[in-house]
Amino acid sequence: MATTNPLQFIQQVRAEVAKVVWPTRREVFLTTVMVFIMATLTAIFFALVDLLIRSGLQGVLGFFGQ
């Protein structure tokens, strides 16, 4: 494995970091808002599924319990 001196390594790292396309403030904001919206929709979905399963299970257990 070829060894690289620390100065060359730092230069290579800086060159690679310069190639990175950083998101704009607007892109970060919109992505953050979308994450919160999707998390909220997912929470609502699973709450409804939980309510449906709980109601169904209570109905089945109530039917066989008496």
N, C-alpha and C. Protein backbone atom coordinates (compact mmCIF):
# COMPACT_ATOMS: atom_id res chain seq x y z
N MET A 1 0.85 -1.17 0.00
CA MET A 1 0.00 0.00 0.00
C MET A 1 0.89 1.24 0.00
N ALA A 2 0.64 2.16 -0.90
CA ALA A 2 1.47 3.36 -1.02
C ALA A 2 1.20 4.30 0.15
N THR A 3 2.27 4.89 0.65
CA THR A 3 2.11 5.84 1.75
C THR A 3 2.10 7.25 1.17
N THR A 4 1.33 8.11 1.81
CA THR A 4 1.23 9.50 1.40
C THR A 4 1.65 10.36 2.58
N ASN A 5 2.46 11.35 2.30
CA ASN A 5 2.86 12.19 3.43
C ASN A 5 1.67 13.06 3.86
N PRO A 6 1.70 13.54 5.10
CA PRO A 6 0.54 14.29 5.64
C PRO A 6 0.17 15.53 4.82
N LEU A 7 1.15 16.21 4.24
CA LEU A 7 0.85 17.41 3.46
C LEU A 7 0.05 17.05 2.20
N GLN A 8 0.46 15.99 1.51
CA GLN A 8 -0.28 15.55 0.32
C GLN A 8 -1.70 15.10 0.70
N PHE A 9 -1.81 14.39 1.83
CA PHE A 9 -3.11 13.93 2.28
C PHE A 9 -4.05 15.11 2.51
N ILE A 10 -3.57 16.14 3.20
CA ILE A 10 -4.39 17.31 3.47
C ILE A 10 -4.79 18.00 2.17
N GLN A 11 -3.87 18.08 1.22
CA GLN A 11 -4.19 18.69 -0.08
C GLN A 11 -5.26 17.88 -0.81
N GLN A 12 -5.15 16.56 -0.74
CA GLN A 12 -6.14 15.71 -1.40
C GLN A 12 -7.52 15.85 -0.74
N VAL A 13 -7.53 15.93 0.58
CA VAL A 13 -8.79 16.09 1.30
C VAL A 13 -9.43 17.42 0.92
N ARG A 14 -8.65 18.48 0.89
CA ARG A 14 -9.19 19.79 0.52
C ARG A 14 -9.73 19.79 -0.91
N ALA A 15 -9.04 19.09 -1.82
CA ALA A 15 -9.51 19.01 -3.20
C ALA A 15 -10.84 18.26 -3.28
N GLU A 16 -11.00 17.20 -2.49
CA GLU A 16 -12.25 16.45 -2.50
C GLU A 16 -13.38 17.25 -1.86
N VAL A 17 -13.10 17.96 -0.78
CA VAL A 17 -14.12 18.78 -0.14
C VAL A 17 -14.58 19.89 -1.07
N ALA A 18 -13.69 20.40 -1.88
CA ALA A 18 -14.05 21.46 -2.82
C ALA A 18 -15.04 20.96 -3.88
N LYS A 19 -15.06 19.65 -4.13
CA LYS A 19 -15.97 19.08 -5.12
C LYS A 19 -17.38 18.89 -4.58
N VAL A 20 -17.55 18.95 -3.26
CA VAL A 20 -18.85 18.72 -2.65
C VAL A 20 -19.78 19.88 -3.00
N VAL A 21 -21.00 19.54 -3.39
CA VAL A 21 -22.02 20.54 -3.68
C VAL A 21 -22.88 20.67 -2.43
N TRP A 22 -22.70 21.78 -1.72
CA TRP A 22 -23.43 21.99 -0.47
C TRP A 22 -24.83 22.51 -0.77
N PRO A 23 -25.84 22.07 0.00
CA PRO A 23 -27.20 22.53 -0.25
C PRO A 23 -27.36 24.00 0.16
N THR A 24 -28.29 24.66 -0.50
CA THR A 24 -28.57 26.05 -0.15
C THR A 24 -29.43 26.09 1.11
N ARG A 25 -29.55 27.25 1.70
CA ARG A 25 -30.37 27.41 2.90
C ARG A 25 -31.83 27.04 2.60
N ARG A 26 -32.30 27.40 1.42
CA ARG A 26 -33.69 27.09 1.04
C ARG A 26 -33.89 25.58 0.91
N GLU A 27 -32.93 24.89 0.30
CA GLU A 27 -33.03 23.44 0.17
C GLU A 27 -33.05 22.76 1.53
N VAL A 28 -32.22 23.22 2.44
CA VAL A 28 -32.19 22.65 3.79
C VAL A 28 -33.52 22.89 4.48
N PHE A 29 -34.06 24.10 4.36
CA PHE A 29 -35.34 24.43 4.98
C PHE A 29 -36.46 23.55 4.43
N LEU A 30 -36.54 23.45 3.10
CA LEU A 30 -37.61 22.65 2.49
C LEU A 30 -37.49 21.17 2.85
N THR A 31 -36.28 20.67 2.88
CA THR A 31 -36.07 19.27 3.25
C THR A 31 -36.48 19.03 4.70
N THR A 32 -36.14 19.96 5.58
CA THR A 32 -36.51 19.84 6.99
C THR A 32 -38.02 19.85 7.16
N VAL A 33 -38.69 20.77 6.46
CA VAL A 33 -40.16 20.84 6.53
C VAL A 33 -40.77 19.54 6.02
N MET A 34 -40.25 19.00 4.94
CA MET A 34 -40.78 17.75 4.40
C MET A 34 -40.59 16.59 5.37
N VAL A 35 -39.46 16.56 6.06
CA VAL A 35 -39.23 15.51 7.05
C VAL A 35 -40.26 15.61 8.16
N PHE A 36 -40.53 16.81 8.67
CA PHE A 36 -41.52 16.97 9.72
C PHE A 36 -42.92 16.59 9.23
N ILE A 37 -43.25 16.95 8.01
CA ILE A 37 -44.57 16.59 7.46
C ILE A 37 -44.69 15.07 7.33
N MET A 38 -43.67 14.42 6.80
CA MET A 38 -43.72 12.97 6.63
C MET A 38 -43.75 12.27 7.98
N ALA A 39 -43.02 12.77 8.96
CA ALA A 39 -43.04 12.16 10.30
C ALA A 39 -44.43 12.30 10.92
N THR A 40 -45.08 13.45 10.72
CA THR A 40 -46.41 13.66 11.25
C THR A 40 -47.42 12.73 10.57
N LEU A 41 -47.35 12.64 9.25
CA LEU A 41 -48.26 11.74 8.53
C LEU A 41 -48.05 10.28 8.93
N THR A 42 -46.81 9.89 9.13
CA THR A 42 -46.52 8.53 9.55
C THR A 42 -47.07 8.26 10.95
N ALA A 43 -46.92 9.23 11.85
CA ALA A 43 -47.44 9.07 13.21
C ALA A 43 -48.96 8.95 13.19
N ILE A 44 -49.62 9.76 12.37
CA ILE A 44 -51.08 9.69 12.26
C ILE A 44 -51.51 8.34 11.70
N PHE A 45 -50.82 7.88 10.67
CA PHE A 45 -51.14 6.59 10.06
C PHE A 45 -51.05 5.46 11.08
N PHE A 46 -49.93 5.40 11.80
CA PHE A 46 -49.76 4.32 12.77
C PHE A 46 -50.71 4.45 13.95
N ALA A 47 -51.08 5.66 14.33
CA ALA A 47 -52.07 5.83 15.39
C ALA A 47 -53.43 5.28 14.93
N LEU A 48 -53.80 5.53 13.69
CA LEU A 48 -55.06 5.01 13.16
C LEU A 48 -55.03 3.49 13.04
N VAL A 49 -53.91 2.95 12.58
CA VAL A 49 -53.78 1.49 12.49
C VAL A 49 -53.86 0.87 13.88
N ASP A 50 -53.21 1.49 14.85
CA ASP A 50 -53.26 1.00 16.23
C ASP A 50 -54.69 1.03 16.76
N LEU A 51 -55.40 2.11 16.50
CA LEU A 51 -56.79 2.23 16.94
C LEU A 51 -57.65 1.16 16.30
N LEU A 52 -57.45 0.91 15.01
CA LEU A 52 -58.23 -0.11 14.30
C LEU A 52 -57.94 -1.50 14.86
N ILE A 53 -56.68 -1.82 15.06
CA ILE A 53 -56.33 -3.15 15.59
C ILE A 53 -56.86 -3.31 17.01
N ARG A 54 -56.73 -2.26 17.84
CA ARG A 54 -57.22 -2.34 19.21
C ARG A 54 -58.73 -2.54 19.25
N SER A 55 -59.46 -1.81 18.41
CA SER A 55 -60.92 -1.95 18.37
C SER A 55 -61.31 -3.34 17.91
N GLY A 56 -60.65 -3.82 16.89
CA GLY A 56 -60.95 -5.17 16.40
C GLY A 56 -60.65 -6.23 17.43
N LEU A 57 -59.52 -6.10 18.10
CA LEU A 57 -59.15 -7.09 19.12
C LEU A 57 -60.11 -7.04 20.30
N GLN A 58 -60.51 -5.86 20.72
CA GLN A 58 -61.47 -5.75 21.81
C GLN A 58 -62.82 -6.36 21.42
N GLY A 59 -63.20 -6.16 20.16
CA GLY A 59 -64.45 -6.75 19.69
C GLY A 59 -64.39 -8.26 19.68
N VAL A 60 -63.29 -8.82 19.21
CA VAL A 60 -63.14 -10.27 19.17
C VAL A 60 -63.09 -10.84 20.59
N LEU A 61 -62.31 -10.22 21.45
CA LEU A 61 -62.20 -10.71 22.82
C LEU A 61 -63.52 -10.53 23.57
N GLY A 62 -64.24 -9.47 23.30
CA GLY A 62 -65.55 -9.26 23.91
C GLY A 62 -66.56 -10.28 23.46
N PHE A 63 -66.48 -10.67 22.18
CA PHE A 63 -67.41 -11.67 21.63
C PHE A 63 -67.17 -13.03 22.28
N PHE A 64 -65.90 -13.42 22.42
CA PHE A 64 -65.59 -14.72 22.99
C PHE A 64 -65.56 -14.71 24.51
N GLY A 65 -65.52 -13.55 25.10
CA GLY A 65 -65.44 -13.46 26.55
C GLY A 65 -66.77 -13.69 27.24
N GLN A 66 -67.86 -13.53 26.52
CA GLN A 66 -69.18 -13.69 27.17
C GLN A 66 -69.87 -14.93 26.77
